[in-house]
Amino acid sequence: MRDPFRIFPIIVNIAIQLICQKGVYSKMLAGTIIKTLKFPVTHYGIYIGNGQVIDNSPKRGAVGVTTISDFKRDGVCEIVNAPPSTQEGSRRCGLAHQRIGKPYHLLQQNCEHFVTEIMTGTAKSTQVAIAATIGIAAFTLSKGDLPQKMATSALAASGVLLLMSAISPTQSLKKV
């Protein structure tokens, strides 16, 4: 007889996939900010309805439209912030559409900058800010010549990104 605890994660994963295929995403309001883990960072986008997301992807090199399946890959999406009204959702979608084609830049215009700018009017990335702070501190505190200091600070910043993959800059409302 098989150990039920051994197959439990497999059953849960299948159930999640089936629920997602049955239209859970259709219940999300257009303009909902969503995220997914793209190791070692968290990736953000705006759900615009009909199974589509606008995000700023380094792979694409610019803001663009993708399917929710491609956005989440093999992961799970989480709702970060649902619009309080359909009017706010429409406003967010309109702003997101206006930014299609805007180039990606890791430090100044990444996916987190993109969604915070849509939500608040100010582009911010907690992930970049924390990684940069740790990298600068490591550079300042490390010993050795310039190449050693640079390697130490890069390693520290990478470690922070790994740790941050489990931390969200905004409160998660619901997993879907």
C-alpha atoms as a PDB file:
ATOM      1  CA  MET A   1       0.000   0.000   0.000  1.00  0.00           C
ATOM      2  CA  ARG A   2       1.230   3.491  -0.867  1.00  0.00           C
ATOM      3  CA  ASP A   3       2.027   6.011   1.817  1.00  0.00           C
ATOM      4  CA  PRO A   4      -0.743   8.668   1.604  1.00  0.00           C
ATOM      5  CA  PHE A   5       1.612  11.380   2.881  1.00  0.00           C
ATOM      6  CA  ARG A   6       3.974  10.709   0.005  1.00  0.00           C
ATOM      7  CA  ILE A   7       1.347  11.358  -2.679  1.00  0.00           C
ATOM      8  CA  PHE A   8      -0.420  14.253  -0.884  1.00  0.00           C
ATOM      9  CA  PRO A   9       1.709  17.010  -2.544  1.00  0.00           C
ATOM     10  CA  ILE A  10       1.003  15.481  -5.945  1.00  0.00           C
ATOM     11  CA  ILE A  11      -2.747  15.459  -5.280  1.00  0.00           C
ATOM     12  CA  VAL A  12      -2.676  19.080  -4.073  1.00  0.00           C
ATOM     13  CA  ASN A  13      -0.747  20.178  -7.172  1.00  0.00           C
ATOM     14  CA  ILE A  14      -3.222  18.419  -9.479  1.00  0.00           C
ATOM     15  CA  ALA A  15      -6.149  19.991  -7.612  1.00  0.00           C
ATOM     16  CA  ILE A  16      -4.630  23.469  -7.967  1.00  0.00           C
ATOM     17  CA  GLN A  17      -4.106  22.950 -11.685  1.00  0.00           C
ATOM     18  CA  LEU A  18      -7.706  21.749 -12.138  1.00  0.00           C
ATOM     19  CA  ILE A  19      -9.128  24.669 -10.164  1.00  0.00           C
ATOM     20  CA  CYS A  20      -7.087  27.118 -12.236  1.00  0.00           C
ATOM     21  CA  GLN A  21      -8.283  25.514 -15.445  1.00  0.00           C
ATOM     22  CA  LYS A  22     -11.897  25.755 -14.296  1.00  0.00           C
ATOM     23  CA  GLY A  23     -11.869  29.544 -14.414  1.00  0.00           C
ATOM     24  CA  VAL A  24     -10.638  30.839 -11.075  1.00  0.00           C
ATOM     25  CA  TYR A  25      -8.876  33.572 -13.034  1.00  0.00           C
ATOM     26  CA  SER A  26     -12.156  34.605 -14.632  1.00  0.00           C
ATOM     27  CA  LYS A  27     -13.330  35.671 -11.170  1.00  0.00           C
ATOM     28  CA  MET A  28     -10.463  38.170 -10.802  1.00  0.00           C
ATOM     29  CA  LEU A  29     -11.284  41.762 -11.612  1.00  0.00           C
ATOM     30  CA  ALA A  30      -9.416  43.375 -14.473  1.00  0.00           C
ATOM     31  CA  GLY A  31      -6.753  45.605 -12.945  1.00  0.00           C
ATOM     32  CA  THR A  32      -5.804  43.120 -10.216  1.00  0.00           C
ATOM     33  CA  ILE A  33      -2.102  43.188  -9.321  1.00  0.00           C
ATOM     34  CA  ILE A  34      -0.720  39.645  -9.238  1.00  0.00           C
ATOM     35  CA  LYS A  35       2.652  38.072  -8.520  1.00  0.00           C
ATOM     36  CA  THR A  36       4.433  34.784  -8.998  1.00  0.00           C
ATOM     37  CA  LEU A  37       7.789  33.445  -7.891  1.00  0.00           C
ATOM     38  CA  LYS A  38      10.377  33.435 -10.666  1.00  0.00           C
ATOM     39  CA  PHE A  39      13.323  32.212  -8.664  1.00  0.00           C
ATOM     40  CA  PRO A  40      15.166  34.071  -7.229  1.00  0.00           C
ATOM     41  CA  VAL A  41      12.789  37.056  -7.435  1.00  0.00           C
ATOM     42  CA  THR A  42       9.087  37.773  -7.349  1.00  0.00           C
ATOM     43  CA  HIS A  43       7.536  38.733 -10.694  1.00  0.00           C
ATOM     44  CA  TYR A  44       4.590  41.168 -10.875  1.00  0.00           C
ATOM     45  CA  GLY A  45       1.920  41.914 -13.449  1.00  0.00           C
ATOM     46  CA  ILE A  46      -1.567  43.309 -13.954  1.00  0.00           C
ATOM     47  CA  TYR A  47      -4.392  40.947 -14.822  1.00  0.00           C
ATOM     48  CA  ILE A  48      -6.424  42.549 -17.632  1.00  0.00           C
ATOM     49  CA  GLY A  49      -9.084  39.878 -18.082  1.00  0.00           C
ATOM     50  CA  ASN A  50      -9.644  37.032 -20.537  1.00  0.00           C
ATOM     51  CA  GLY A  51      -6.662  35.117 -19.143  1.00  0.00           C
ATOM     52  CA  GLN A  52      -4.197  37.893 -20.040  1.00  0.00           C
ATOM     53  CA  VAL A  53      -1.604  39.818 -18.040  1.00  0.00           C
ATOM     54  CA  ILE A  54       0.425  42.933 -18.804  1.00  0.00           C
ATOM     55  CA  ASP A  55       3.900  42.756 -17.304  1.00  0.00           C
ATOM     56  CA  ASN A  56       7.396  44.092 -17.831  1.00  0.00           C
ATOM     57  CA  SER A  57       9.577  41.121 -18.601  1.00  0.00           C
ATOM     58  CA  PRO A  58      13.353  40.980 -19.023  1.00  0.00           C
ATOM     59  CA  LYS A  59      12.830  38.067 -21.421  1.00  0.00           C
ATOM     60  CA  ARG A  60      10.695  40.255 -23.712  1.00  0.00           C
ATOM     61  CA  GLY A  61      12.699  43.401 -22.918  1.00  0.00           C
ATOM     62  CA  ALA A  62       9.638  45.618 -22.560  1.00  0.00           C
ATOM     63  CA  VAL A  63       6.123  45.939 -21.175  1.00  0.00           C
ATOM     64  CA  GLY A  64       3.796  43.608 -23.051  1.00  0.00           C
ATOM     65  CA  VAL A  65       0.800  41.299 -22.941  1.00  0.00           C
ATOM     66  CA  THR A  66       1.131  37.625 -22.059  1.00  0.00           C
ATOM     67  CA  THR A  67      -1.174  34.825 -21.020  1.00  0.00           C
ATOM     68  CA  ILE A  68      -1.623  34.038 -17.347  1.00  0.00           C
ATOM     69  CA  SER A  69      -0.192  30.567 -18.044  1.00  0.00           C
ATOM     70  CA  ASP A  70       3.022  32.042 -19.450  1.00  0.00           C
ATOM     71  CA  PHE A  71       3.133  34.626 -16.645  1.00  0.00           C
ATOM     72  CA  LYS A  72       2.994  32.026 -13.883  1.00  0.00           C
ATOM     73  CA  ARG A  73       4.826  29.268 -15.790  1.00  0.00           C
ATOM     74  CA  ASP A  74       4.690  26.257 -13.494  1.00  0.00           C
ATOM     75  CA  GLY A  75       4.116  28.372 -10.389  1.00  0.00           C
ATOM     76  CA  VAL A  76       1.102  29.756  -8.602  1.00  0.00           C
ATOM     77  CA  CYS A  77      -0.165  33.311  -8.875  1.00  0.00           C
ATOM     78  CA  GLU A  78      -1.077  35.340  -5.837  1.00  0.00           C
ATOM     79  CA  ILE A  79      -3.335  38.368  -5.746  1.00  0.00           C
ATOM     80  CA  VAL A  80      -1.384  41.294  -4.341  1.00  0.00           C
ATOM     81  CA  ASN A  81      -3.998  44.005  -4.716  1.00  0.00           C
ATOM     82  CA  ALA A  82      -7.482  43.784  -6.196  1.00  0.00           C
ATOM     83  CA  PRO A  83      -9.011  47.056  -7.375  1.00  0.00           C
ATOM     84  CA  PRO A  84     -11.751  48.329  -5.038  1.00  0.00           C
ATOM     85  CA  SER A  85     -14.053  48.978  -8.007  1.00  0.00           C
ATOM     86  CA  THR A  86     -14.427  48.185 -11.689  1.00  0.00           C
ATOM     87  CA  GLN A  87     -13.657  51.855 -12.423  1.00  0.00           C
ATOM     88  CA  GLU A  88     -10.288  51.571 -10.636  1.00  0.00           C
ATOM     89  CA  GLY A  89      -9.633  48.307 -12.467  1.00  0.00           C
ATOM     90  CA  SER A  90     -10.344  50.003 -15.797  1.00  0.00           C
ATOM     91  CA  ARG A  91      -8.048  52.894 -14.865  1.00  0.00           C
ATOM     92  CA  ARG A  92      -5.219  50.478 -14.048  1.00  0.00           C
ATOM     93  CA  CYS A  93      -5.734  48.527 -17.283  1.00  0.00           C
ATOM     94  CA  GLY A  94      -5.746  51.758 -19.296  1.00  0.00           C
ATOM     95  CA  LEU A  95      -2.463  52.913 -17.740  1.00  0.00           C
ATOM     96  CA  ALA A  96      -0.929  49.481 -18.268  1.00  0.00           C
ATOM     97  CA  HIS A  97      -1.943  49.476 -21.955  1.00  0.00           C
ATOM     98  CA  GLN A  98      -0.361  52.938 -22.385  1.00  0.00           C
ATOM     99  CA  ARG A  99       2.963  51.535 -21.188  1.00  0.00           C
ATOM    100  CA  ILE A 100       3.110  48.618 -23.652  1.00  0.00           C
ATOM    101  CA  GLY A 101       6.492  48.760 -25.377  1.00  0.00           C
ATOM    102  CA  LYS A 102       8.186  50.710 -22.573  1.00  0.00           C
ATOM    103  CA  PRO A 103      11.681  49.174 -22.227  1.00  0.00           C
ATOM    104  CA  TYR A 104      12.656  46.935 -19.322  1.00  0.00           C
ATOM    105  CA  HIS A 105      15.445  48.103 -17.011  1.00  0.00           C
ATOM    106  CA  LEU A 106      16.380  46.025 -13.970  1.00  0.00           C
ATOM    107  CA  LEU A 107      17.188  48.972 -11.708  1.00  0.00           C
ATOM    108  CA  GLN A 108      14.766  51.632 -12.981  1.00  0.00           C
ATOM    109  CA  GLN A 109      11.833  49.979 -14.757  1.00  0.00           C
ATOM    110  CA  ASN A 110      11.334  46.332 -13.843  1.00  0.00           C
ATOM    111  CA  CYS A 111       8.039  44.503 -13.259  1.00  0.00           C
ATOM    112  CA  GLU A 112       7.701  45.763  -9.676  1.00  0.00           C
ATOM    113  CA  HIS A 113       8.377  49.370 -10.753  1.00  0.00           C
ATOM    114  CA  PHE A 114       5.714  48.897 -13.422  1.00  0.00           C
ATOM    115  CA  VAL A 115       2.914  47.761 -11.082  1.00  0.00           C
ATOM    116  CA  THR A 116       3.703  50.214  -8.275  1.00  0.00           C
ATOM    117  CA  GLU A 117       3.655  53.067 -10.769  1.00  0.00           C
ATOM    118  CA  ILE A 118       0.226  51.935 -12.004  1.00  0.00           C
ATOM    119  CA  MET A 119      -1.107  51.640  -8.439  1.00  0.00           C
ATOM    120  CA  THR A 120       0.459  54.689  -6.770  1.00  0.00           C
ATOM    121  CA  GLY A 121       1.860  56.924  -9.494  1.00  0.00           C
ATOM    122  CA  THR A 122       5.425  56.320  -8.264  1.00  0.00           C
ATOM    123  CA  ALA A 123       7.663  53.558  -9.617  1.00  0.00           C
ATOM    124  CA  LYS A 124       9.332  51.688  -6.743  1.00  0.00           C
ATOM    125  CA  SER A 125      11.010  48.314  -6.322  1.00  0.00           C
ATOM    126  CA  THR A 126      11.563  47.009  -2.828  1.00  0.00           C
ATOM    127  CA  GLN A 127      13.518  44.072  -4.243  1.00  0.00           C
ATOM    128  CA  VAL A 128      16.025  46.361  -5.989  1.00  0.00           C
ATOM    129  CA  ALA A 129      16.301  48.717  -3.005  1.00  0.00           C
ATOM    130  CA  ILE A 130      17.086  45.927  -0.552  1.00  0.00           C
ATOM    131  CA  ALA A 131      19.528  44.150  -2.875  1.00  0.00           C
ATOM    132  CA  ALA A 132      21.341  47.432  -3.628  1.00  0.00           C
ATOM    133  CA  THR A 133      21.574  48.336   0.058  1.00  0.00           C
ATOM    134  CA  ILE A 134      23.029  44.961   0.977  1.00  0.00           C
ATOM    135  CA  GLY A 135      25.439  45.071  -1.987  1.00  0.00           C
ATOM    136  CA  ILE A 136      26.716  48.529  -1.002  1.00  0.00           C
ATOM    137  CA  ALA A 137      27.107  47.489   2.636  1.00  0.00           C
ATOM    138  CA  ALA A 138      29.000  44.348   1.646  1.00  0.00           C
ATOM    139  CA  PHE A 139      31.279  46.352  -0.649  1.00  0.00           C
ATOM    140  CA  THR A 140      31.982  48.885   2.102  1.00  0.00           C
ATOM    141  CA  LEU A 141      32.635  46.300   4.807  1.00  0.00           C
ATOM    142  CA  SER A 142      34.559  43.745   2.756  1.00  0.00           C
ATOM    143  CA  LYS A 143      38.327  43.496   2.750  1.00  0.00           C
ATOM    144  CA  GLY A 144      40.690  43.090  -0.137  1.00  0.00           C
ATOM    145  CA  ASP A 145      41.287  44.734  -3.475  1.00  0.00           C
ATOM    146  CA  LEU A 146      38.591  46.085  -5.786  1.00  0.00           C
ATOM    147  CA  PRO A 147      37.785  42.788  -7.600  1.00  0.00           C
ATOM    148  CA  GLN A 148      37.394  40.987  -4.258  1.00  0.00           C
ATOM    149  CA  LYS A 149      35.143  43.759  -2.917  1.00  0.00           C
ATOM    150  CA  MET A 150      33.010  43.651  -6.075  1.00  0.00           C
ATOM    151  CA  ALA A 151      32.668  39.865  -5.891  1.00  0.00           C
ATOM    152  CA  THR A 152      31.688  40.036  -2.209  1.00  0.00           C
ATOM    153  CA  SER A 153      29.053  42.724  -2.799  1.00  0.00           C
ATOM    154  CA  ALA A 154      27.597  40.864  -5.807  1.00  0.00           C
ATOM    155  CA  LEU A 155      27.397  37.665  -3.798  1.00  0.00           C
ATOM    156  CA  ALA A 156      25.684  39.490  -0.912  1.00  0.00           C
ATOM    157  CA  ALA A 157      23.151  41.143  -3.234  1.00  0.00           C
ATOM    158  CA  SER A 158      22.407  37.775  -4.882  1.00  0.00           C
ATOM    159  CA  GLY A 159      21.869  36.208  -1.480  1.00  0.00           C
ATOM    160  CA  VAL A 160      19.385  38.934  -0.615  1.00  0.00           C
ATOM    161  CA  LEU A 161      17.439  38.275  -3.795  1.00  0.00           C
ATOM    162  CA  LEU A 162      17.281  34.597  -2.881  1.00  0.00           C
ATOM    163  CA  LEU A 163      15.943  35.428   0.571  1.00  0.00           C
ATOM    164  CA  MET A 164      13.501  37.956  -0.852  1.00  0.00           C
ATOM    165  CA  SER A 165      11.927  35.374  -3.116  1.00  0.00           C
ATOM    166  CA  ALA A 166       9.913  34.329  -0.054  1.00  0.00           C
ATOM    167  CA  ILE A 167       9.133  37.894   1.074  1.00  0.00           C
ATOM    168  CA  SER A 168       6.568  40.150  -0.569  1.00  0.00           C
ATOM    169  CA  PRO A 169       6.821  43.949  -0.487  1.00  0.00           C
ATOM    170  CA  THR A 170       3.044  44.095  -0.322  1.00  0.00           C
ATOM    171  CA  GLN A 171       0.580  41.991   1.584  1.00  0.00           C
ATOM    172  CA  SER A 172      -0.820  39.061  -0.326  1.00  0.00           C
ATOM    173  CA  LEU A 173      -4.592  38.764  -0.259  1.00  0.00           C
ATOM    174  CA  LYS A 174      -5.270  35.414  -1.839  1.00  0.00           C
ATOM    175  CA  LYS A 175      -3.571  32.593  -3.695  1.00  0.00           C
ATOM    176  CA  VAL A 176      -5.093  31.505  -6.976  1.00  0.00           C
END
